């Protein structure tokens, strides 16, 4: 099996971490009390997603090249 690299986002919240991949078809989320636990849970969720929906479910028509985090203010 060939390795596949995916860009993922890991968010820290008051009650733990949430992680999700960018650019794949469908919704896949991992969570954990630590950063590493969230990533490991995400890897497991991605593997399940691939098994359940087939390897094409991870295909990216327009793969994410780079990720930026920004903040904006809405008038109001």
PDB file of N, CA and C in Angstrom:
ATOM      1  N   UNK A   1       0.843  -1.172   0.000  1.00  0.00           N
ATOM      2  CA  UNK A   1       0.000   0.000   0.000  1.00  0.00           C
ATOM      3  C   UNK A   1       0.894   1.243   0.000  1.00  0.00           C
ATOM      4  N   UNK A   2       0.514   2.229  -0.789  1.00  0.00           N
ATOM      5  CA  UNK A   2       1.275   3.460  -0.911  1.00  0.00           C
ATOM      6  C   UNK A   2       0.891   4.439   0.191  1.00  0.00           C
ATOM      7  N   UNK A   3       1.885   5.134   0.715  1.00  0.00           N
ATOM      8  CA  UNK A   3       1.612   6.170   1.711  1.00  0.00           C
ATOM      9  C   UNK A   3       0.931   7.351   1.045  1.00  0.00           C
ATOM     10  N   UNK A   4       0.075   8.007   1.780  1.00  0.00           N
ATOM     11  CA  UNK A   4      -0.611   9.185   1.261  1.00  0.00           C
ATOM     12  C   UNK A   4      -0.512  10.283   2.315  1.00  0.00           C
ATOM     13  N   UNK A   5      -0.081  11.450   1.884  1.00  0.00           N
ATOM     14  CA  UNK A   5       0.029  12.594   2.789  1.00  0.00           C
ATOM     15  C   UNK A   5      -1.232  13.435   2.700  1.00  0.00           C
ATOM     16  N   UNK A   6      -1.764  13.802   3.860  1.00  0.00           N
ATOM     17  CA  UNK A   6      -2.928  14.662   3.932  1.00  0.00           C
ATOM     18  C   UNK A   6      -2.611  15.831   4.854  1.00  0.00           C
ATOM     19  N   UNK A   7      -3.089  17.000   4.490  1.00  0.00           N
ATOM     20  CA  UNK A   7      -2.985  18.145   5.380  1.00  0.00           C
ATOM     21  C   UNK A   7      -4.122  18.012   6.399  1.00  0.00           C
ATOM     22  N   UNK A   8      -3.821  18.252   7.667  1.00  0.00           N
ATOM     23  CA  UNK A   8      -4.837  18.165   8.712  1.00  0.00           C
ATOM     24  C   UNK A   8      -4.805  19.423   9.571  1.00  0.00           C
ATOM     25  N   UNK A   9      -5.932  19.719  10.178  1.00  0.00           N
ATOM     26  CA  UNK A   9      -6.062  20.813  11.124  1.00  0.00           C
ATOM     27  C   UNK A   9      -6.261  20.190  12.493  1.00  0.00           C
ATOM     28  N   UNK A  10      -5.553  20.714  13.481  1.00  0.00           N
ATOM     29  CA  UNK A  10      -5.742  20.288  14.864  1.00  0.00           C
ATOM     30  C   UNK A  10      -6.128  21.533  15.663  1.00  0.00           C
ATOM     31  N   UNK A  11      -7.276  21.476  16.295  1.00  0.00           N
ATOM     32  CA  UNK A  11      -7.764  22.596  17.093  1.00  0.00           C
ATOM     33  C   UNK A  11      -7.693  22.232  18.573  1.00  0.00           C
ATOM     34  N   UNK A  12      -7.271  23.203  19.391  1.00  0.00           N
ATOM     35  CA  UNK A  12      -7.270  22.991  20.845  1.00  0.00           C
ATOM     36  C   UNK A  12      -8.476  23.711  21.424  1.00  0.00           C
ATOM     37  N   UNK A  13      -9.259  22.982  22.194  1.00  0.00           N
ATOM     38  CA  UNK A  13     -10.435  23.520  22.865  1.00  0.00           C
ATOM     39  C   UNK A  13     -10.253  23.328  24.371  1.00  0.00           C
ATOM     40  N   UNK A  14     -11.119  23.927  25.146  1.00  0.00           N
ATOM     41  CA  UNK A  14     -11.021  23.833  26.605  1.00  0.00           C
ATOM     42  C   UNK A  14     -11.088  22.383  27.090  1.00  0.00           C
ATOM     43  N   UNK A  15     -11.814  21.532  26.372  1.00  0.00           N
ATOM     44  CA  UNK A  15     -11.991  20.146  26.820  1.00  0.00           C
ATOM     45  C   UNK A  15     -11.193  19.126  26.002  1.00  0.00           C
ATOM     46  N   UNK A  16     -10.233  19.574  25.186  1.00  0.00           N
ATOM     47  CA  UNK A  16      -9.396  18.641  24.440  1.00  0.00           C
ATOM     48  C   UNK A  16      -9.097  19.140  23.041  1.00  0.00           C
ATOM     49  N   UNK A  17      -8.734  18.209  22.171  1.00  0.00           N
ATOM     50  CA  UNK A  17      -8.305  18.536  20.811  1.00  0.00           C
ATOM     51  C   UNK A  17      -9.223  17.861  19.798  1.00  0.00           C
ATOM     52  N   UNK A  18      -9.400  18.531  18.663  1.00  0.00           N
ATOM     53  CA  UNK A  18     -10.172  18.005  17.542  1.00  0.00           C
ATOM     54  C   UNK A  18      -9.280  18.108  16.307  1.00  0.00           C
ATOM     55  N   UNK A  19      -9.266  17.061  15.491  1.00  0.00           N
ATOM     56  CA  UNK A  19      -8.442  17.055  14.284  1.00  0.00           C
ATOM     57  C   UNK A  19      -9.285  16.597  13.104  1.00  0.00           C
ATOM     58  N   UNK A  20      -9.011  17.202  11.939  1.00  0.00           N
ATOM     59  CA  UNK A  20      -9.722  16.797  10.727  1.00  0.00           C
ATOM     60  C   UNK A  20      -8.849  17.066   9.509  1.00  0.00           C
ATOM     61  N   UNK A  21      -8.979  16.219   8.475  1.00  0.00           N
ATOM     62  CA  UNK A  21      -8.189  16.394   7.259  1.00  0.00           C
ATOM     63  C   UNK A  21      -8.847  17.416   6.335  1.00  0.00           C
ATOM     64  N   UNK A  22      -8.051  18.019   5.495  1.00  0.00           N
ATOM     65  CA  UNK A  22      -8.547  18.969   4.511  1.00  0.00           C
ATOM     66  C   UNK A  22      -8.585  18.323   3.136  1.00  0.00           C
ATOM     67  N   UNK A  23      -9.616  18.632   2.370  1.00  0.00           N
ATOM     68  CA  UNK A  23      -9.646  18.281   0.963  1.00  0.00           C
ATOM     69  C   UNK A  23     -10.084  16.891   0.589  1.00  0.00           C
ATOM     70  N   UNK A  24     -10.606  16.098   1.536  1.00  0.00           N
ATOM     71  CA  UNK A  24     -11.083  14.769   1.144  1.00  0.00           C
ATOM     72  C   UNK A  24     -12.604  14.789   1.040  1.00  0.00           C
ATOM     73  N   UNK A  25     -13.158  13.782   0.393  1.00  0.00           N
ATOM     74  CA  UNK A  25     -14.603  13.669   0.237  1.00  0.00           C
ATOM     75  C   UNK A  25     -15.188  13.045   1.498  1.00  0.00           C
ATOM     76  N   UNK A  26     -16.159  13.708   2.100  1.00  0.00           N
ATOM     77  CA  UNK A  26     -16.783  13.195   3.308  1.00  0.00           C
ATOM     78  C   UNK A  26     -16.262  13.893   4.549  1.00  0.00           C
ATOM     79  N   UNK A  27     -16.784  13.482   5.677  1.00  0.00           N
ATOM     80  CA  UNK A  27     -16.422  14.093   6.954  1.00  0.00           C
ATOM     81  C   UNK A  27     -15.685  13.057   7.796  1.00  0.00           C
ATOM     82  N   UNK A  28     -14.496  13.420   8.242  1.00  0.00           N
ATOM     83  CA  UNK A  28     -13.690  12.547   9.090  1.00  0.00           C
ATOM     84  C   UNK A  28     -13.122  13.416  10.216  1.00  0.00           C
ATOM     85  N   UNK A  29     -13.334  12.996  11.464  1.00  0.00           N
ATOM     86  CA  UNK A  29     -12.889  13.789  12.608  1.00  0.00           C
ATOM     87  C   UNK A  29     -12.275  12.865  13.646  1.00  0.00           C
ATOM     88  N   UNK A  30     -11.214  13.342  14.293  1.00  0.00           N
ATOM     89  CA  UNK A  30     -10.618  12.646  15.422  1.00  0.00           C
ATOM     90  C   UNK A  30     -10.608  13.584  16.612  1.00  0.00           C
ATOM     91  N   UNK A  31     -10.569  13.013  17.802  1.00  0.00           N
ATOM     92  CA  UNK A  31     -10.531  13.852  19.000  1.00  0.00           C
ATOM     93  C   UNK A  31      -9.724  13.150  20.080  1.00  0.00           C
ATOM     94  N   UNK A  32      -9.258  13.926  21.037  1.00  0.00           N
ATOM     95  CA  UNK A  32      -8.508  13.357  22.142  1.00  0.00           C
ATOM     96  C   UNK A  32      -8.205  14.400  23.198  1.00  0.00           C
ATOM     97  N   UNK A  33      -7.733  13.936  24.322  1.00  0.00           N
ATOM     98  CA  UNK A  33      -7.376  14.849  25.407  1.00  0.00           C
ATOM     99  C   UNK A  33      -6.061  15.566  25.127  1.00  0.00           C
ATOM    100  N   UNK A  34      -5.231  14.981  24.237  1.00  0.00           N
ATOM    101  CA  UNK A  34      -3.955  15.599  23.878  1.00  0.00           C
ATOM    102  C   UNK A  34      -3.874  15.721  22.361  1.00  0.00           C
ATOM    103  N   UNK A  35      -2.923  16.518  21.901  1.00  0.00           N
ATOM    104  CA  UNK A  35      -2.658  16.694  20.470  1.00  0.00           C
ATOM    105  C   UNK A  35      -2.389  15.337  19.824  1.00  0.00           C
ATOM    106  N   UNK A  36      -1.493  14.555  20.434  1.00  0.00           N
ATOM    107  CA  UNK A  36      -1.130  13.252  19.863  1.00  0.00           C
ATOM    108  C   UNK A  36      -2.304  12.283  19.846  1.00  0.00           C
ATOM    109  N   UNK A  37      -3.132  12.303  20.887  1.00  0.00           N
ATOM    110  CA  UNK A  37      -4.309  11.428  20.914  1.00  0.00           C
ATOM    111  C   UNK A  37      -5.283  11.800  19.794  1.00  0.00           C
ATOM    112  N   UNK A  38      -5.463  13.090  19.551  1.00  0.00           N
ATOM    113  CA  UNK A  38      -6.357  13.527  18.485  1.00  0.00           C
ATOM    114  C   UNK A  38      -5.832  13.082  17.119  1.00  0.00           C
ATOM    115  N   UNK A  39      -4.530  13.199  16.890  1.00  0.00           N
ATOM    116  CA  UNK A  39      -3.952  12.751  15.614  1.00  0.00           C
ATOM    117  C   UNK A  39      -4.082  11.245  15.437  1.00  0.00           C
ATOM    118  N   UNK A  40      -3.840  10.492  16.497  1.00  0.00           N
ATOM    119  CA  UNK A  40      -3.963   9.038  16.401  1.00  0.00           C
ATOM    120  C   UNK A  40      -5.410   8.635  16.133  1.00  0.00           C
ATOM    121  N   UNK A  41      -6.356   9.299  16.802  1.00  0.00           N
ATOM    122  CA  UNK A  41      -7.765   9.020  16.569  1.00  0.00           C
ATOM    123  C   UNK A  41      -8.146   9.381  15.134  1.00  0.00           C
ATOM    124  N   UNK A  42      -7.594  10.465  14.613  1.00  0.00           N
ATOM    125  CA  UNK A  42      -7.849  10.859  13.233  1.00  0.00           C
ATOM    126  C   UNK A  42      -7.300   9.822  12.261  1.00  0.00           C
ATOM    127  N   UNK A  43      -6.093   9.334  12.500  1.00  0.00           N
ATOM    128  CA  UNK A  43      -5.531   8.288  11.623  1.00  0.00           C
ATOM    129  C   UNK A  43      -6.448   7.075  11.575  1.00  0.00           C
ATOM    130  N   UNK A  44      -6.958   6.690  12.734  1.00  0.00           N
ATOM    131  CA  UNK A  44      -7.870   5.555  12.808  1.00  0.00           C
ATOM    132  C   UNK A  44      -9.164   5.850  12.046  1.00  0.00           C
ATOM    133  N   UNK A  45      -9.691   7.066  12.189  1.00  0.00           N
ATOM    134  CA  UNK A  45     -10.924   7.445  11.495  1.00  0.00           C
ATOM    135  C   UNK A  45     -10.720   7.485   9.983  1.00  0.00           C
ATOM    136  N   UNK A  46      -9.569   7.964   9.542  1.00  0.00           N
ATOM    137  CA  UNK A  46      -9.269   7.994   8.103  1.00  0.00           C
ATOM    138  C   UNK A  46      -9.161   6.572   7.553  1.00  0.00           C
ATOM    139  N   UNK A  47      -8.512   5.688   8.296  1.00  0.00           N
ATOM    140  CA  UNK A  47      -8.391   4.287   7.865  1.00  0.00           C
ATOM    141  C   UNK A  47      -9.774   3.651   7.748  1.00  0.00           C
ATOM    142  N   UNK A  48     -10.646   3.910   8.713  1.00  0.00           N
ATOM    143  CA  UNK A  48     -12.015   3.377   8.657  1.00  0.00           C
ATOM    144  C   UNK A  48     -12.759   3.961   7.454  1.00  0.00           C
ATOM    145  N   UNK A  49     -12.617   5.249   7.232  1.00  0.00           N
ATOM    146  CA  UNK A  49     -13.268   5.918   6.097  1.00  0.00           C
ATOM    147  C   UNK A  49     -12.828   5.276   4.781  1.00  0.00           C
ATOM    148  N   UNK A  50     -11.530   5.022   4.646  1.00  0.00           N
ATOM    149  CA  UNK A  50     -11.002   4.398   3.424  1.00  0.00           C
ATOM    150  C   UNK A  50     -11.548   2.983   3.262  1.00  0.00           C
ATOM    151  N   UNK A  51     -11.614   2.217   4.363  1.00  0.00           N
ATOM    152  CA  UNK A  51     -12.147   0.856   4.286  1.00  0.00           C
ATOM    153  C   UNK A  51     -13.636   0.857   3.950  1.00  0.00           C
ATOM    154  N   UNK A  52     -14.383   1.777   4.543  1.00  0.00           N
ATOM    155  CA  UNK A  52     -15.833   1.808   4.356  1.00  0.00           C
ATOM    156  C   UNK A  52     -16.234   2.338   2.977  1.00  0.00           C
ATOM    157  N   UNK A  53     -15.526   3.349   2.486  1.00  0.00           N
ATOM    158  CA  UNK A  53     -15.938   4.011   1.249  1.00  0.00           C
ATOM    159  C   UNK A  53     -14.975   3.809   0.085  1.00  0.00           C
ATOM    160  N   UNK A  54     -13.904   3.074   0.307  1.00  0.00           N
ATOM    161  CA  UNK A  54     -12.946   2.783  -0.750  1.00  0.00           C
ATOM    162  C   UNK A  54     -11.836   3.815  -0.830  1.00  0.00           C
ATOM    163  N   UNK A  55     -10.721   3.433  -1.444  1.00  0.00           N
ATOM    164  CA  UNK A  55      -9.565   4.318  -1.525  1.00  0.00           C
ATOM    165  C   UNK A  55      -9.838   5.611  -2.289  1.00  0.00           C
ATOM    166  N   UNK A  56     -10.801   5.587  -3.203  1.00  0.00           N
ATOM    167  CA  UNK A  56     -11.117   6.797  -3.964  1.00  0.00           C
ATOM    168  C   UNK A  56     -11.701   7.894  -3.079  1.00  0.00           C
ATOM    169  N   UNK A  57     -12.221   7.533  -1.908  1.00  0.00           N
ATOM    170  CA  UNK A  57     -12.804   8.532  -1.019  1.00  0.00           C
ATOM    171  C   UNK A  57     -11.749   9.493  -0.483  1.00  0.00           C
ATOM    172  N   UNK A  58     -10.482   9.128  -0.599  1.00  0.00           N
ATOM    173  CA  UNK A  58      -9.404  10.006  -0.140  1.00  0.00           C
ATOM    174  C   UNK A  58      -8.767  10.776  -1.292  1.00  0.00           C
ATOM    175  N   UNK A  59      -9.246  10.524  -2.522  1.00  0.00           N
ATOM    176  CA  UNK A  59      -8.711  11.258  -3.675  1.00  0.00           C
ATOM    177  C   UNK A  59      -9.028  12.737  -3.541  1.00  0.00           C
ATOM    178  N   UNK A  60      -8.082  13.543  -3.953  1.00  0.00           N
ATOM    179  CA  UNK A  60      -8.244  14.985  -3.893  1.00  0.00           C
ATOM    180  C   UNK A  60      -8.155  15.546  -5.305  1.00  0.00           C
ATOM    181  N   UNK A  61      -9.271  16.073  -5.809  1.00  0.00           N
ATOM    182  CA  UNK A  61      -9.283  16.656  -7.149  1.00  0.00           C
ATOM    183  C   UNK A  61      -8.362  17.864  -7.225  1.00  0.00           C
ATOM    184  N   UNK A  62      -8.318  18.623  -6.154  1.00  0.00           N
ATOM    185  CA  UNK A  62      -7.493  19.827  -6.080  1.00  0.00           C
ATOM    186  C   UNK A  62      -6.823  19.824  -4.698  1.00  0.00           C
ATOM    187  N   UNK A  63      -5.738  19.063  -4.526  1.00  0.00           N
ATOM    188  CA  UNK A  63      -5.133  18.903  -3.207  1.00  0.00           C
ATOM    189  C   UNK A  63      -4.730  20.238  -2.574  1.00  0.00           C
ATOM    190  N   UNK A  64      -4.893  20.307  -1.268  1.00  0.00           N
ATOM    191  CA  UNK A  64      -4.493  21.496  -0.515  1.00  0.00           C
ATOM    192  C   UNK A  64      -2.973  21.597  -0.567  1.00  0.00           C
ATOM    193  N   UNK A  65      -2.473  22.718  -1.015  1.00  0.00           N
ATOM    194  CA  UNK A  65      -1.032  22.933  -1.128  1.00  0.00           C
ATOM    195  C   UNK A  65      -0.444  23.528   0.148  1.00  0.00           C
ATOM    196  N   UNK A  66      -1.190  24.436   0.743  1.00  0.00           N
ATOM    197  CA  UNK A  66      -0.696  25.153   1.904  1.00  0.00           C
ATOM    198  C   UNK A  66      -1.902  25.603   2.720  1.00  0.00           C
ATOM    199  N   UNK A  67      -1.723  25.714   4.023  1.00  0.00           N
ATOM    200  CA  UNK A  67      -2.817  26.104   4.910  1.00  0.00           C
ATOM    201  C   UNK A  67      -2.404  27.352   5.674  1.00  0.00           C
ATOM    202  N   UNK A  68      -3.311  28.309   5.741  1.00  0.00           N
ATOM    203  CA  UNK A  68      -3.080  29.538   6.485  1.00  0.00           C
ATOM    204  C   UNK A  68      -4.168  29.677   7.548  1.00  0.00           C
ATOM    205  N   UNK A  69      -3.815  30.227   8.665  1.00  0.00           N
ATOM    206  CA  UNK A  69      -4.795  30.528   9.707  1.00  0.00           C
ATOM    207  C   UNK A  69      -4.834  32.040   9.843  1.00  0.00           C
ATOM    208  N   UNK A  70      -6.009  32.601   9.720  1.00  0.00           N
ATOM    209  CA  UNK A  70      -6.161  34.051   9.790  1.00  0.00           C
ATOM    210  C   UNK A  70      -7.350  34.379  10.686  1.00  0.00           C
ATOM    211  N   UNK A  71      -7.416  35.615  11.086  1.00  0.00           N
ATOM    212  CA  UNK A  71      -8.533  36.098  11.893  1.00  0.00           C
ATOM    213  C   UNK A  71      -9.031  37.395  11.281  1.00  0.00           C
ATOM    214  N   UNK A  72     -10.325  37.579  11.307  1.00  0.00           N
ATOM    215  CA  UNK A  72     -10.899  38.820  10.787  1.00  0.00           C
ATOM    216  C   UNK A  72     -11.956  39.319  11.747  1.00  0.00           C
ATOM    217  N   UNK A  73     -12.349  40.562  11.609  1.00  0.00           N
ATOM    218  CA  UNK A  73     -13.371  41.163  12.449  1.00  0.00           C
ATOM    219  C   UNK A  73     -14.535  41.573  11.555  1.00  0.00           C
ATOM    220  N   UNK A  74     -15.730  41.191  11.948  1.00  0.00           N
ATOM    221  CA  UNK A  74     -16.916  41.580  11.200  1.00  0.00           C
ATOM    222  C   UNK A  74     -17.552  42.783  11.869  1.00  0.00           C
ATOM    223  N   UNK A  75     -17.877  43.785  11.076  1.00  0.00           N
ATOM    224  CA  UNK A  75     -18.535  44.970  11.607  1.00  0.00           C
ATOM    225  C   UNK A  75     -19.932  44.606  12.053  1.00  0.00           C
ATOM    226  N   UNK A  76     -20.363  45.243  13.122  1.00  0.00           N
ATOM    227  CA  UNK A  76     -21.687  44.896  13.396  1.00  0.00           C
ATOM    228  C   UNK A  76     -22.357  45.223  14.595  1.00  0.00           C
TER     229      UNK A  76
END
